Amino acid sequence: MAFTFRMPVRYGSVDFARIVYYPQFLHFCHVAMEEMFAAVVGVSYPDALQKEKVGYPTVKSEADFVKPVAYGEELEMSVAVERMGTSSVVFVYEGRRSSDGEAAFRVRNIQVAVDMDAWESTPIPDHHRAAFETIRVASSA
């Protein structure tokens, strides 16, 4: 089952059209990943980077922008794992407007476990893998 949490849309995320500027949705995905790490993995993302020396940069991103989102709206964000390899994980992110439950955007990111000292791919640590399995969903591809 996906990890979910609520996130307010702040003033700095909107553009002249008074809706979320589309690159901000990718930022929201990173925020969601950080929230997921703390809640699901049990390690804050800063600690994963600085103490465990493992990061998960995105190497491919696909996004669908479905509905506009205005300043003051709250998004119900979800993070799920579609699949995992030795060092890669496919995270699927979705943001739904809390006001009406409508999907606003969906993003599918391929992220790779990286040794932060060597800046090379590394196997996903066992405790990360076990945590990611708890939010794994069936692949839609």
Protein backbone atom coordinates (compact mmCIF):
# COMPACT_ATOMS: atom_id res chain seq x y z
CA MET A 1 0.00 0.00 0.00
CA ALA A 2 1.26 3.46 -0.88
CA PHE A 3 2.55 5.89 1.72
CA THR A 4 0.33 9.00 1.89
CA PHE A 5 0.41 12.37 3.61
CA ARG A 6 -1.14 15.81 3.16
CA MET A 7 0.84 18.76 1.89
CA PRO A 8 -0.31 22.37 1.61
CA VAL A 9 0.38 24.31 -1.57
CA ARG A 10 2.41 27.35 -0.57
CA TYR A 11 2.46 30.77 -2.22
CA GLY A 12 5.97 30.25 -3.63
CA SER A 13 4.80 27.27 -5.70
CA VAL A 14 2.34 29.19 -7.89
CA ASP A 15 2.97 31.26 -11.01
CA PHE A 16 1.35 34.26 -12.72
CA ALA A 17 -1.60 32.06 -13.74
CA ARG A 18 -2.27 31.51 -9.98
CA ILE A 19 -1.76 27.75 -10.22
CA VAL A 20 1.17 25.51 -9.32
CA TYR A 21 4.04 26.05 -11.74
CA TYR A 22 4.58 22.61 -13.27
CA PRO A 23 8.25 22.07 -12.22
CA GLN A 24 7.07 22.44 -8.62
CA PHE A 25 5.24 19.12 -8.95
CA LEU A 26 8.63 17.41 -9.30
CA HIS A 27 9.76 19.22 -6.17
CA PHE A 28 6.62 17.95 -4.43
CA CYS A 29 7.70 14.41 -5.38
CA HIS A 30 11.03 14.92 -3.67
CA VAL A 31 9.28 16.28 -0.58
CA ALA A 32 7.07 13.17 -0.65
CA MET A 33 10.12 10.91 -0.90
CA GLU A 34 11.70 12.64 2.10
CA GLU A 35 8.49 12.25 4.12
CA MET A 36 8.28 8.59 3.07
CA PHE A 37 11.87 7.93 4.17
CA ALA A 38 11.24 9.19 7.68
CA ALA A 39 7.90 7.39 8.06
CA VAL A 40 8.51 4.13 6.19
CA VAL A 41 12.27 3.53 6.21
CA GLY A 42 12.65 4.97 9.70
CA VAL A 43 15.64 7.05 8.63
CA SER A 44 15.43 10.69 7.62
CA TYR A 45 16.62 11.35 4.09
CA PRO A 46 19.38 13.68 5.36
CA ASP A 47 20.62 10.81 7.56
CA ALA A 48 20.47 8.41 4.60
CA LEU A 49 22.63 10.85 2.64
CA GLN A 50 25.03 11.94 5.37
CA LYS A 51 25.27 8.98 7.77
CA GLU A 52 24.38 5.97 5.64
CA LYS A 53 26.01 7.58 2.60
CA VAL A 54 23.23 6.45 0.21
CA GLY A 55 21.17 8.75 -1.99
CA TYR A 56 18.55 8.14 -4.65
CA PRO A 57 18.96 10.59 -7.53
CA THR A 58 16.39 10.45 -10.31
CA VAL A 59 17.72 9.21 -13.64
CA LYS A 60 14.42 9.25 -15.55
CA SER A 61 11.15 11.03 -14.90
CA GLU A 62 7.76 10.80 -16.62
CA ALA A 63 4.98 13.18 -15.61
CA ASP A 64 1.30 13.61 -16.35
CA PHE A 65 -0.25 16.92 -15.33
CA VAL A 66 -3.96 16.22 -15.02
CA LYS A 67 -5.68 19.11 -13.19
CA PRO A 68 -4.56 22.57 -12.08
CA VAL A 69 -3.83 23.20 -8.43
CA ALA A 70 -4.32 26.62 -6.83
CA TYR A 71 -2.57 28.38 -3.97
CA GLY A 72 -4.13 27.36 -0.66
CA GLU A 73 -5.13 23.92 -1.90
CA GLU A 74 -3.94 20.88 0.01
CA LEU A 75 -2.63 17.85 -1.83
CA GLU A 76 -2.90 14.28 -0.68
CA MET A 77 0.44 12.96 -1.82
CA SER A 78 1.19 9.28 -2.29
CA VAL A 79 4.41 7.40 -2.89
CA ALA A 80 4.51 3.79 -4.02
CA VAL A 81 7.17 1.45 -5.36
CA GLU A 82 6.39 -0.08 -8.74
CA ARG A 83 9.48 -2.25 -8.98
CA MET A 84 13.04 -2.65 -7.71
CA GLY A 85 16.24 -3.90 -9.23
CA THR A 86 19.61 -4.39 -7.58
CA SER A 87 20.31 -0.67 -7.37
CA SER A 88 17.28 1.00 -8.95
CA VAL A 89 13.78 1.63 -7.70
CA VAL A 90 10.77 2.95 -9.60
CA PHE A 91 8.79 5.32 -7.40
CA VAL A 92 5.29 6.35 -8.47
CA TYR A 93 4.04 9.64 -7.05
CA GLU A 94 0.53 11.04 -7.18
CA GLY A 95 -0.96 14.28 -5.93
CA ARG A 96 -4.73 14.55 -5.42
CA ARG A 97 -6.51 17.77 -4.61
CA SER A 98 -8.01 17.47 -1.14
CA SER A 99 -10.87 19.80 -2.07
CA ASP A 100 -12.42 17.35 -4.54
CA GLY A 101 -10.23 14.21 -4.53
CA GLU A 102 -9.31 14.71 -8.19
CA ALA A 103 -5.86 13.57 -9.36
CA ALA A 104 -3.75 16.64 -10.15
CA PHE A 105 -0.55 14.92 -11.30
CA ARG A 106 1.24 11.60 -11.53
CA VAL A 107 4.99 11.11 -11.77
CA ARG A 108 7.00 7.95 -12.34
CA ASN A 109 10.66 8.28 -11.39
CA ILE A 110 13.44 5.80 -11.86
CA GLN A 111 15.86 6.46 -9.01
CA VAL A 112 19.20 4.79 -8.43
CA ALA A 113 20.88 4.05 -5.12
CA VAL A 114 24.19 5.89 -5.15
CA ASP A 115 27.17 5.69 -2.80
CA MET A 116 27.47 9.34 -1.81
CA ASP A 117 31.25 9.14 -1.33
CA ALA A 118 32.12 7.35 -4.59
CA TRP A 119 29.16 8.78 -6.55
CA GLU A 120 28.58 5.38 -8.12
CA SER A 121 25.54 3.13 -8.10
CA THR A 122 25.35 0.73 -5.18
CA PRO A 123 22.95 -2.04 -4.20
CA ILE A 124 19.87 -0.85 -2.35
CA PRO A 125 20.59 -1.43 1.36
CA ASP A 126 18.62 -4.33 2.81
CA HIS A 127 16.73 -2.19 5.34
CA HIS A 128 15.72 0.27 2.58
CA ARG A 129 14.63 -2.63 0.34
CA ALA A 130 12.52 -4.16 3.12
CA ALA A 131 10.85 -0.80 3.80
CA PHE A 132 10.24 -0.14 0.10
CA GLU A 133 8.56 -3.56 -0.18
CA THR A 134 5.89 -2.36 2.28
CA ILE A 135 4.75 0.31 -0.21
CA ARG A 136 5.10 -1.80 -3.34
CA VAL A 137 2.14 -1.90 -5.72
CA ALA A 138 1.40 -3.85 -8.87
CA SER A 139 3.06 -2.42 -11.97
CA SER A 140 0.82 -0.62 -14.43
CA ALA A 141 3.37 -1.00 -17.25
